[in-house]
Amino acid sequence: MSDKVNLPIVMIGGGGHASVLAEILLTQGRDILAVISPEDVSQNSVFKGITVLEKDEYILRFDKDKILLVNGIGMMPKSGFKKKINEYFLSLGYQFETVIAESAFVSPFSKIGIGAQILPMAMIQTGATVGSHSIINTGALVEHDCKIGAYNHIAPKATLCGQVVTGRGVYIGANTTIIQSLKVGEDVIVGAGAIVTHSLDARSICYPARSIVKLN
């Protein structure tokens, strides 16, 4: 967690990922002062009663020492948008809160970086490290002694077996399995459903086996 404990939150983004994070925070009794979204989020009940501001620059209205930011923008392959926003506000002295869902299991013998987001039913086992600003999405499993780099997205129900090491900016697709002790280089993309049995060089793309459907 940030060294600024339980300060009010300003949420960047108003889409689906932001909604999940907002629900986690509200359930934990956190105060969300504002949601930054150019889109109309009034129909999303999780944001009911929360001030909506249209532009990222409005964050500058808030004293950096009196709030924490949560980046609710989803992390997609080949998109550096989330990282760009984080680094801009970090350069101005703002800090990002670490979000951990109540239903996630996070070993007390693991290490979670600042700004990381651990979503419901995810599991972080003994000796694992999750880098700053990484997302461990719903139901993902990070087994013992894995080292997850900064700005990773481990998508729903992905499984990283023991001692897997990933570089910065890695995207692991949903339902992927990476077997034990492999290394995944920075900016690698692993497609949904892949079974990875060998280490992957930086900036490579790993495609899963594809079924061919023949229509009559």
C-alpha atoms as a PDB file:
ATOM      1  CA  MET A   1       0.000   0.000   0.000  1.00  0.00           C
ATOM      2  CA  SER A   2       0.992   3.624  -0.347  1.00  0.00           C
ATOM      3  CA  ASP A   3       2.656   5.307   2.617  1.00  0.00           C
ATOM      4  CA  LYS A   4      -0.371   7.634   2.661  1.00  0.00           C
ATOM      5  CA  VAL A   5      -2.848   5.334   4.356  1.00  0.00           C
ATOM      6  CA  ASN A   6      -6.597   5.562   3.637  1.00  0.00           C
ATOM      7  CA  LEU A   7      -6.576   8.942   1.928  1.00  0.00           C
ATOM      8  CA  PRO A   8      -9.528   9.698  -0.386  1.00  0.00           C
ATOM      9  CA  ILE A   9      -9.313   8.335  -3.913  1.00  0.00           C
ATOM     10  CA  VAL A  10      -9.544   9.978  -7.315  1.00  0.00           C
ATOM     11  CA  MET A  11     -10.303   7.345  -9.964  1.00  0.00           C
ATOM     12  CA  ILE A  12      -8.937   7.771 -13.478  1.00  0.00           C
ATOM     13  CA  GLY A  13     -11.338   6.190 -15.988  1.00  0.00           C
ATOM     14  CA  GLY A  14     -14.988   5.224 -15.865  1.00  0.00           C
ATOM     15  CA  GLY A  15     -15.143   1.994 -17.865  1.00  0.00           C
ATOM     16  CA  GLY A  16     -15.499  -1.627 -16.843  1.00  0.00           C
ATOM     17  CA  HIS A  17     -12.126  -2.005 -15.148  1.00  0.00           C
ATOM     18  CA  ALA A  18     -12.682   1.215 -13.194  1.00  0.00           C
ATOM     19  CA  SER A  19     -16.092  -0.083 -12.100  1.00  0.00           C
ATOM     20  CA  VAL A  20     -14.556  -3.237 -10.644  1.00  0.00           C
ATOM     21  CA  LEU A  21     -11.927  -1.236  -8.782  1.00  0.00           C
ATOM     22  CA  ALA A  22     -14.518   1.256  -7.513  1.00  0.00           C
ATOM     23  CA  GLU A  23     -16.678  -1.560  -6.142  1.00  0.00           C
ATOM     24  CA  ILE A  24     -13.678  -3.050  -4.320  1.00  0.00           C
ATOM     25  CA  LEU A  25     -12.771   0.315  -2.791  1.00  0.00           C
ATOM     26  CA  LEU A  26     -16.322   1.241  -1.796  1.00  0.00           C
ATOM     27  CA  THR A  27     -16.821  -2.182  -0.202  1.00  0.00           C
ATOM     28  CA  GLN A  28     -13.698  -1.496   1.847  1.00  0.00           C
ATOM     29  CA  GLY A  29     -15.134   1.819   3.017  1.00  0.00           C
ATOM     30  CA  ARG A  30     -12.840   4.012   0.957  1.00  0.00           C
ATOM     31  CA  ASP A  31     -13.939   7.500  -0.065  1.00  0.00           C
ATOM     32  CA  ILE A  32     -13.888   8.122  -3.839  1.00  0.00           C
ATOM     33  CA  LEU A  33     -13.898  11.889  -4.304  1.00  0.00           C
ATOM     34  CA  ALA A  34     -14.141  11.917  -8.097  1.00  0.00           C
ATOM     35  CA  VAL A  35     -14.080   9.826 -11.234  1.00  0.00           C
ATOM     36  CA  ILE A  36     -12.219  11.214 -14.241  1.00  0.00           C
ATOM     37  CA  SER A  37     -14.084  10.187 -17.390  1.00  0.00           C
ATOM     38  CA  PRO A  38     -14.902  11.934 -20.681  1.00  0.00           C
ATOM     39  CA  GLU A  39     -17.771   9.467 -21.130  1.00  0.00           C
ATOM     40  CA  ASP A  40     -21.157   9.607 -19.407  1.00  0.00           C
ATOM     41  CA  VAL A  41     -21.037   7.151 -16.478  1.00  0.00           C
ATOM     42  CA  SER A  42     -24.339   8.212 -14.920  1.00  0.00           C
ATOM     43  CA  GLN A  43     -25.976   4.883 -15.783  1.00  0.00           C
ATOM     44  CA  ASN A  44     -23.367   2.930 -13.860  1.00  0.00           C
ATOM     45  CA  SER A  45     -24.743   2.497 -10.360  1.00  0.00           C
ATOM     46  CA  VAL A  46     -21.319   1.974  -8.777  1.00  0.00           C
ATOM     47  CA  PHE A  47     -20.510   5.626  -9.512  1.00  0.00           C
ATOM     48  CA  LYS A  48     -23.791   6.972  -8.144  1.00  0.00           C
ATOM     49  CA  GLY A  49     -23.226  10.061  -5.999  1.00  0.00           C
ATOM     50  CA  ILE A  50     -19.568  10.415  -7.035  1.00  0.00           C
ATOM     51  CA  THR A  51     -18.435  13.601  -8.772  1.00  0.00           C
ATOM     52  CA  VAL A  52     -17.514  13.000 -12.423  1.00  0.00           C
ATOM     53  CA  LEU A  53     -14.867  15.214 -14.043  1.00  0.00           C
ATOM     54  CA  GLU A  54     -14.285  15.089 -17.783  1.00  0.00           C
ATOM     55  CA  LYS A  55     -10.555  15.768 -18.143  1.00  0.00           C
ATOM     56  CA  ASP A  56      -7.408  14.276 -16.621  1.00  0.00           C
ATOM     57  CA  GLU A  57      -6.057  17.778 -16.004  1.00  0.00           C
ATOM     58  CA  TYR A  58      -8.794  18.349 -13.423  1.00  0.00           C
ATOM     59  CA  ILE A  59      -6.803  16.051 -11.134  1.00  0.00           C
ATOM     60  CA  LEU A  60      -4.487  19.013 -10.621  1.00  0.00           C
ATOM     61  CA  ARG A  61      -7.275  20.668  -8.609  1.00  0.00           C
ATOM     62  CA  PHE A  62      -6.551  18.136  -5.858  1.00  0.00           C
ATOM     63  CA  ASP A  63      -3.641  18.527  -3.446  1.00  0.00           C
ATOM     64  CA  LYS A  64      -1.203  15.679  -4.190  1.00  0.00           C
ATOM     65  CA  ASP A  65      -0.608  15.221  -0.470  1.00  0.00           C
ATOM     66  CA  LYS A  66      -4.294  14.776   0.347  1.00  0.00           C
ATOM     67  CA  ILE A  67      -5.434  12.181  -2.197  1.00  0.00           C
ATOM     68  CA  LEU A  68      -4.327   8.949  -3.829  1.00  0.00           C
ATOM     69  CA  LEU A  69      -4.930   8.083  -7.465  1.00  0.00           C
ATOM     70  CA  VAL A  70      -6.240   4.794  -8.820  1.00  0.00           C
ATOM     71  CA  ASN A  71      -5.832   4.196 -12.538  1.00  0.00           C
ATOM     72  CA  GLY A  72      -8.972   2.427 -13.712  1.00  0.00           C
ATOM     73  CA  ILE A  73      -7.987   2.319 -17.374  1.00  0.00           C
ATOM     74  CA  GLY A  74      -7.710  -1.245 -18.599  1.00  0.00           C
ATOM     75  CA  MET A  75      -4.312  -2.466 -19.788  1.00  0.00           C
ATOM     76  CA  MET A  76      -4.504  -3.788 -23.337  1.00  0.00           C
ATOM     77  CA  PRO A  77      -1.744  -5.342 -25.498  1.00  0.00           C
ATOM     78  CA  LYS A  78       0.511  -2.800 -27.256  1.00  0.00           C
ATOM     79  CA  SER A  79      -1.184   0.101 -25.474  1.00  0.00           C
ATOM     80  CA  GLY A  80       1.044   2.282 -23.329  1.00  0.00           C
ATOM     81  CA  PHE A  81      -1.758   4.681 -22.427  1.00  0.00           C
ATOM     82  CA  LYS A  82      -2.132   3.577 -18.823  1.00  0.00           C
ATOM     83  CA  LYS A  83       1.634   3.744 -18.227  1.00  0.00           C
ATOM     84  CA  LYS A  84       1.839   7.192 -19.869  1.00  0.00           C
ATOM     85  CA  ILE A  85      -0.846   8.592 -17.560  1.00  0.00           C
ATOM     86  CA  ASN A  86       0.751   7.021 -14.482  1.00  0.00           C
ATOM     87  CA  GLU A  87       4.177   8.398 -15.260  1.00  0.00           C
ATOM     88  CA  TYR A  88       2.825  11.887 -15.916  1.00  0.00           C
ATOM     89  CA  PHE A  89       1.118  12.147 -12.536  1.00  0.00           C
ATOM     90  CA  LEU A  90       3.993  10.425 -10.749  1.00  0.00           C
ATOM     91  CA  SER A  91       6.298  13.102 -12.177  1.00  0.00           C
ATOM     92  CA  LEU A  92       4.061  15.720 -10.544  1.00  0.00           C
ATOM     93  CA  GLY A  93       4.345  14.046  -7.131  1.00  0.00           C
ATOM     94  CA  TYR A  94       1.004  12.210  -7.037  1.00  0.00           C
ATOM     95  CA  GLN A  95       0.912   8.674  -5.669  1.00  0.00           C
ATOM     96  CA  PHE A  96      -1.154   5.655  -6.686  1.00  0.00           C
ATOM     97  CA  GLU A  97      -2.997   3.403  -4.273  1.00  0.00           C
ATOM     98  CA  THR A  98      -2.555  -0.355  -4.300  1.00  0.00           C
ATOM     99  CA  VAL A  99      -5.931  -2.109  -4.628  1.00  0.00           C
ATOM    100  CA  ILE A 100      -6.441  -5.634  -3.270  1.00  0.00           C
ATOM    101  CA  ALA A 101      -9.894  -7.236  -3.320  1.00  0.00           C
ATOM    102  CA  GLU A 102     -11.114  -8.826  -0.095  1.00  0.00           C
ATOM    103  CA  SER A 103     -11.711 -12.137  -1.879  1.00  0.00           C
ATOM    104  CA  ALA A 104      -8.172 -12.287  -3.299  1.00  0.00           C
ATOM    105  CA  PHE A 105      -5.598 -14.418  -1.511  1.00  0.00           C
ATOM    106  CA  VAL A 106      -2.278 -12.631  -1.086  1.00  0.00           C
ATOM    107  CA  SER A 107       0.342 -14.497   0.898  1.00  0.00           C
ATOM    108  CA  PRO A 108       1.872 -12.485   3.737  1.00  0.00           C
ATOM    109  CA  PHE A 109       5.184 -13.762   2.381  1.00  0.00           C
ATOM    110  CA  SER A 110       4.660 -12.131  -1.026  1.00  0.00           C
ATOM    111  CA  LYS A 111       5.507  -8.567  -2.101  1.00  0.00           C
ATOM    112  CA  ILE A 112       3.029  -6.294  -3.889  1.00  0.00           C
ATOM    113  CA  GLY A 113       4.320  -3.162  -5.620  1.00  0.00           C
ATOM    114  CA  ILE A 114       2.790   0.295  -5.251  1.00  0.00           C
ATOM    115  CA  GLY A 115      -0.186   0.855  -7.551  1.00  0.00           C
ATOM    116  CA  ALA A 116      -0.707  -2.843  -8.276  1.00  0.00           C
ATOM    117  CA  GLN A 117      -4.288  -4.093  -8.570  1.00  0.00           C
ATOM    118  CA  ILE A 118      -5.225  -7.570  -7.304  1.00  0.00           C
ATOM    119  CA  LEU A 119      -8.777  -8.391  -8.350  1.00  0.00           C
ATOM    120  CA  PRO A 120     -11.375 -10.756  -6.857  1.00  0.00           C
ATOM    121  CA  MET A 121     -10.432 -14.423  -6.458  1.00  0.00           C
ATOM    122  CA  ALA A 122      -6.853 -13.874  -7.639  1.00  0.00           C
ATOM    123  CA  MET A 123      -4.149 -15.795  -5.760  1.00  0.00           C
ATOM    124  CA  ILE A 124      -0.624 -14.614  -5.015  1.00  0.00           C
ATOM    125  CA  GLN A 125       1.357 -17.381  -3.374  1.00  0.00           C
ATOM    126  CA  THR A 126       4.343 -17.469  -1.016  1.00  0.00           C
ATOM    127  CA  GLY A 127       7.510 -15.778  -2.230  1.00  0.00           C
ATOM    128  CA  ALA A 128       5.867 -14.151  -5.252  1.00  0.00           C
ATOM    129  CA  THR A 129       6.531 -10.539  -6.221  1.00  0.00           C
ATOM    130  CA  VAL A 130       4.081  -8.373  -8.186  1.00  0.00           C
ATOM    131  CA  GLY A 131       5.613  -5.289  -9.756  1.00  0.00           C
ATOM    132  CA  SER A 132       4.313  -1.743  -9.435  1.00  0.00           C
ATOM    133  CA  HIS A 133       1.163  -0.854 -11.407  1.00  0.00           C
ATOM    134  CA  SER A 134       0.548  -4.424 -12.554  1.00  0.00           C
ATOM    135  CA  ILE A 135      -2.936  -5.938 -12.782  1.00  0.00           C
ATOM    136  CA  ILE A 136      -3.579  -9.459 -11.517  1.00  0.00           C
ATOM    137  CA  ASN A 137      -7.065  -9.931 -12.872  1.00  0.00           C
ATOM    138  CA  THR A 138     -10.036 -11.959 -11.677  1.00  0.00           C
ATOM    139  CA  GLY A 139      -9.192 -15.517 -10.735  1.00  0.00           C
ATOM    140  CA  ALA A 140      -5.583 -15.387 -11.933  1.00  0.00           C
ATOM    141  CA  LEU A 141      -3.018 -17.564 -10.136  1.00  0.00           C
ATOM    142  CA  VAL A 142       0.539 -16.400  -9.493  1.00  0.00           C
ATOM    143  CA  GLU A 143       2.288 -19.346  -7.903  1.00  0.00           C
ATOM    144  CA  HIS A 144       5.180 -19.465  -5.430  1.00  0.00           C
ATOM    145  CA  ASP A 145       8.342 -17.445  -6.133  1.00  0.00           C
ATOM    146  CA  CYS A 146       7.112 -15.862  -9.367  1.00  0.00           C
ATOM    147  CA  LYS A 147       8.532 -12.428 -10.163  1.00  0.00           C
ATOM    148  CA  ILE A 148       6.032 -10.277 -12.053  1.00  0.00           C
ATOM    149  CA  GLY A 149       7.460  -7.112 -13.595  1.00  0.00           C
ATOM    150  CA  ALA A 150       5.980  -3.612 -13.506  1.00  0.00           C
ATOM    151  CA  TYR A 151       3.025  -2.758 -15.757  1.00  0.00           C
ATOM    152  CA  ASN A 152       2.068  -6.380 -16.408  1.00  0.00           C
ATOM    153  CA  HIS A 153      -1.489  -7.501 -17.040  1.00  0.00           C
ATOM    154  CA  ILE A 154      -2.194 -11.063 -15.964  1.00  0.00           C
ATOM    155  CA  ALA A 155      -5.671 -11.567 -17.425  1.00  0.00           C
ATOM    156  CA  PRO A 156      -8.564 -13.526 -15.845  1.00  0.00           C
ATOM    157  CA  LYS A 157      -7.830 -17.149 -14.897  1.00  0.00           C
ATOM    158  CA  ALA A 158      -4.279 -17.113 -16.237  1.00  0.00           C
ATOM    159  CA  THR A 159      -1.942 -19.460 -14.350  1.00  0.00           C
ATOM    160  CA  LEU A 160       1.731 -18.756 -13.782  1.00  0.00           C
ATOM    161  CA  CYS A 161       3.357 -21.808 -12.242  1.00  0.00           C
ATOM    162  CA  GLY A 162       6.179 -21.534  -9.729  1.00  0.00           C
ATOM    163  CA  GLN A 163       9.252 -19.366 -10.350  1.00  0.00           C
ATOM    164  CA  VAL A 164       8.048 -17.750 -13.566  1.00  0.00           C
ATOM    165  CA  VAL A 165       9.775 -14.398 -14.171  1.00  0.00           C
ATOM    166  CA  THR A 166       8.248 -11.694 -16.383  1.00  0.00           C
ATOM    167  CA  GLY A 167       9.765  -8.441 -17.599  1.00  0.00           C
ATOM    168  CA  ARG A 168       8.185  -5.009 -17.732  1.00  0.00           C
ATOM    169  CA  GLY A 169       5.044  -4.438 -19.796  1.00  0.00           C
ATOM    170  CA  VAL A 170       4.028  -8.091 -20.291  1.00  0.00           C
ATOM    171  CA  TYR A 171       0.461  -9.048 -21.243  1.00  0.00           C
ATOM    172  CA  ILE A 172      -0.652 -12.594 -20.366  1.00  0.00           C
ATOM    173  CA  GLY A 173      -4.036 -13.446 -21.920  1.00  0.00           C
ATOM    174  CA  ALA A 174      -7.011 -15.064 -20.211  1.00  0.00           C
ATOM    175  CA  ASN A 175      -6.788 -18.784 -19.385  1.00  0.00           C
ATOM    176  CA  THR A 176      -3.113 -18.909 -20.324  1.00  0.00           C
ATOM    177  CA  THR A 177      -0.814 -21.359 -18.551  1.00  0.00           C
ATOM    178  CA  ILE A 178       2.911 -20.695 -18.216  1.00  0.00           C
ATOM    179  CA  ILE A 179       4.786 -23.668 -16.827  1.00  0.00           C
ATOM    180  CA  GLN A 180       7.308 -23.375 -14.014  1.00  0.00           C
ATOM    181  CA  SER A 181      10.667 -21.595 -14.105  1.00  0.00           C
ATOM    182  CA  LEU A 182      10.209 -19.888 -17.489  1.00  0.00           C
ATOM    183  CA  LYS A 183      11.308 -16.331 -18.297  1.00  0.00           C
ATOM    184  CA  VAL A 184       9.088 -13.950 -20.248  1.00  0.00           C
ATOM    185  CA  GLY A 185      10.877 -10.907 -21.657  1.00  0.00           C
ATOM    186  CA  GLU A 186       9.630  -7.318 -21.533  1.00  0.00           C
ATOM    187  CA  ASP A 187       6.695  -6.245 -23.722  1.00  0.00           C
ATOM    188  CA  VAL A 188       5.769  -9.844 -24.568  1.00  0.00           C
ATOM    189  CA  ILE A 189       2.151 -10.635 -25.503  1.00  0.00           C
ATOM    190  CA  VAL A 190       0.765 -14.100 -24.809  1.00  0.00           C
ATOM    191  CA  GLY A 191      -2.572 -14.815 -26.453  1.00  0.00           C
ATOM    192  CA  ALA A 192      -5.581 -16.085 -24.516  1.00  0.00           C
ATOM    193  CA  GLY A 193      -5.602 -19.799 -23.866  1.00  0.00           C
ATOM    194  CA  ALA A 194      -1.948 -20.393 -24.713  1.00  0.00           C
ATOM    195  CA  ILE A 195       0.117 -23.053 -22.970  1.00  0.00           C
ATOM    196  CA  VAL A 196       3.657 -21.734 -22.754  1.00  0.00           C
ATOM    197  CA  THR A 197       6.342 -24.391 -22.392  1.00  0.00           C
ATOM    198  CA  HIS A 198       9.495 -22.396 -23.177  1.00  0.00           C
ATOM    199  CA  SER A 199      10.890 -18.980 -22.315  1.00  0.00           C
ATOM    200  CA  LEU A 200       9.927 -16.014 -24.513  1.00  0.00           C
ATOM    201  CA  ASP A 201      12.247 -13.310 -25.812  1.00  0.00           C
ATOM    202  CA  ALA A 202      11.457  -9.619 -25.316  1.00  0.00           C
ATOM    203  CA  ARG A 203       8.789  -8.081 -27.584  1.00  0.00           C
ATOM    204  CA  SER A 204       7.682 -11.430 -28.964  1.00  0.00           C
ATOM    205  CA  ILE A 205       4.075 -12.572 -29.411  1.00  0.00           C
ATOM    206  CA  CYS A 206       2.965 -16.069 -28.432  1.00  0.00           C
ATOM    207  CA  TYR A 207      -0.174 -17.247 -30.202  1.00  0.00           C
ATOM    208  CA  PRO A 208      -2.285 -20.113 -28.836  1.00  0.00           C
ATOM    209  CA  ALA A 209      -3.180 -23.120 -30.983  1.00  0.00           C
ATOM    210  CA  ARG A 210      -6.139 -22.155 -33.124  1.00  0.00           C
ATOM    211  CA  SER A 211      -9.069 -24.391 -33.898  1.00  0.00           C
ATOM    212  CA  ILE A 212     -10.283 -24.416 -37.496  1.00  0.00           C
ATOM    213  CA  VAL A 213     -14.040 -24.613 -37.855  1.00  0.00           C
ATOM    214  CA  LYS A 214     -15.404 -25.825 -41.176  1.00  0.00           C
ATOM    215  CA  LEU A 215     -18.920 -24.773 -42.061  1.00  0.00           C
ATOM    216  CA  ASN A 216     -21.170 -27.000 -44.144  1.00  0.00           C
END
